[in-house]
Amino acid sequence: MSEKEISDKILEKALQPAEYEIDGERVKNRSVTELIALEEHLAKKRASRNPLAALRTFRISTQGPER
């Protein structure tokens, strides 16, 4: 699932009631905090697949205060 799909699912679940009953079947949804924690976990898992993705290049300026 892409990040957009996961965010859409969280939004969809947030708009639904926490618990409801249809034709005698009781359905209980996960809380929004659990879904957000799951999203964060999946993002960390994706980031850990490529450890070099955390490295960023930057430029060091060795010039003095006058440019």
C-alpha atoms as a PDB file:
ATOM      1  CA  MET A   1       0.000   0.000   0.000  1.00  0.00           C
ATOM      2  CA  SER A   2       1.207   3.466  -0.749  1.00  0.00           C
ATOM      3  CA  GLU A   3       1.376   6.203   1.869  1.00  0.00           C
ATOM      4  CA  LYS A   4      -1.610   7.923   0.260  1.00  0.00           C
ATOM      5  CA  GLU A   5      -3.728   4.759   0.516  1.00  0.00           C
ATOM      6  CA  ILE A   6      -2.771   4.285   4.168  1.00  0.00           C
ATOM      7  CA  SER A   7      -3.647   7.902   4.997  1.00  0.00           C
ATOM      8  CA  ASP A   8      -6.961   7.542   3.170  1.00  0.00           C
ATOM      9  CA  LYS A   9      -7.772   4.369   5.126  1.00  0.00           C
ATOM     10  CA  ILE A  10      -7.004   6.093   8.435  1.00  0.00           C
ATOM     11  CA  LEU A  11      -9.252   9.006   7.491  1.00  0.00           C
ATOM     12  CA  GLU A  12     -12.007   6.596   6.414  1.00  0.00           C
ATOM     13  CA  LYS A  13     -11.779   4.649   9.691  1.00  0.00           C
ATOM     14  CA  ALA A  14     -11.719   7.866  11.731  1.00  0.00           C
ATOM     15  CA  LEU A  15     -15.067   8.888  10.260  1.00  0.00           C
ATOM     16  CA  GLN A  16     -16.700   5.542  11.098  1.00  0.00           C
ATOM     17  CA  PRO A  17     -18.159   4.834  14.531  1.00  0.00           C
ATOM     18  CA  ALA A  18     -15.910   2.938  16.954  1.00  0.00           C
ATOM     19  CA  GLU A  19     -18.430   0.126  17.332  1.00  0.00           C
ATOM     20  CA  TYR A  20     -21.632  -0.755  15.516  1.00  0.00           C
ATOM     21  CA  GLU A  21     -23.992  -3.654  14.945  1.00  0.00           C
ATOM     22  CA  ILE A  22     -25.506  -4.765  11.633  1.00  0.00           C
ATOM     23  CA  ASP A  23     -27.925  -7.712  11.419  1.00  0.00           C
ATOM     24  CA  GLY A  24     -26.729  -9.090  14.735  1.00  0.00           C
ATOM     25  CA  GLU A  25     -23.054  -8.836  13.821  1.00  0.00           C
ATOM     26  CA  ARG A  26     -21.056  -6.560  16.074  1.00  0.00           C
ATOM     27  CA  VAL A  27     -18.118  -4.746  14.480  1.00  0.00           C
ATOM     28  CA  LYS A  28     -15.469  -2.935  16.495  1.00  0.00           C
ATOM     29  CA  ASN A  29     -12.957  -0.755  14.667  1.00  0.00           C
ATOM     30  CA  ARG A  30      -9.430  -0.087  15.835  1.00  0.00           C
ATOM     31  CA  SER A  31      -8.850   3.273  17.463  1.00  0.00           C
ATOM     32  CA  VAL A  32      -7.347   6.112  15.462  1.00  0.00           C
ATOM     33  CA  THR A  33      -4.259   6.156  17.709  1.00  0.00           C
ATOM     34  CA  GLU A  34      -3.616   2.494  16.876  1.00  0.00           C
ATOM     35  CA  LEU A  35      -3.938   3.231  13.162  1.00  0.00           C
ATOM     36  CA  ILE A  36      -1.556   6.193  13.393  1.00  0.00           C
ATOM     37  CA  ALA A  37       0.938   4.041  15.317  1.00  0.00           C
ATOM     38  CA  LEU A  38       0.670   1.442  12.547  1.00  0.00           C
ATOM     39  CA  GLU A  39       1.323   4.101   9.912  1.00  0.00           C
ATOM     40  CA  GLU A  40       4.428   5.274  11.800  1.00  0.00           C
ATOM     41  CA  HIS A  41       5.643   1.694  12.157  1.00  0.00           C
ATOM     42  CA  LEU A  42       5.271   1.065   8.422  1.00  0.00           C
ATOM     43  CA  ALA A  43       7.114   4.298   7.621  1.00  0.00           C
ATOM     44  CA  LYS A  44      10.006   3.253   9.879  1.00  0.00           C
ATOM     45  CA  LYS A  45      10.020  -0.182   8.277  1.00  0.00           C
ATOM     46  CA  ARG A  46      10.245   1.362   4.787  1.00  0.00           C
ATOM     47  CA  ALA A  47      13.045   3.655   5.942  1.00  0.00           C
ATOM     48  CA  SER A  48      15.013   0.770   7.428  1.00  0.00           C
ATOM     49  CA  ARG A  49      15.064  -1.052   4.092  1.00  0.00           C
ATOM     50  CA  ASN A  50      17.458   1.560   2.761  1.00  0.00           C
ATOM     51  CA  PRO A  51      19.714   2.750   5.580  1.00  0.00           C
ATOM     52  CA  LEU A  52      21.559   5.167   3.287  1.00  0.00           C
ATOM     53  CA  ALA A  53      18.340   7.086   2.666  1.00  0.00           C
ATOM     54  CA  ALA A  54      18.801   8.763   6.046  1.00  0.00           C
ATOM     55  CA  LEU A  55      22.098  10.287   4.947  1.00  0.00           C
ATOM     56  CA  ARG A  56      21.892  13.701   3.374  1.00  0.00           C
ATOM     57  CA  THR A  57      24.524  15.637   1.525  1.00  0.00           C
ATOM     58  CA  PHE A  58      25.276  19.182   2.534  1.00  0.00           C
ATOM     59  CA  ARG A  59      27.727  21.856   1.644  1.00  0.00           C
ATOM     60  CA  ILE A  60      30.183  23.405   4.059  1.00  0.00           C
ATOM     61  CA  SER A  61      31.123  26.979   3.341  1.00  0.00           C
ATOM     62  CA  THR A  62      34.710  27.797   4.285  1.00  0.00           C
ATOM     63  CA  GLN A  63      34.434  31.458   3.382  1.00  0.00           C
ATOM     64  CA  GLY A  64      34.748  34.118   6.021  1.00  0.00           C
ATOM     65  CA  PRO A  65      32.005  36.546   7.079  1.00  0.00           C
ATOM     66  CA  GLU A  66      32.548  38.588   3.887  1.00  0.00           C
ATOM     67  CA  ARG A  67      31.407  36.995   0.684  1.00  0.00           C
END
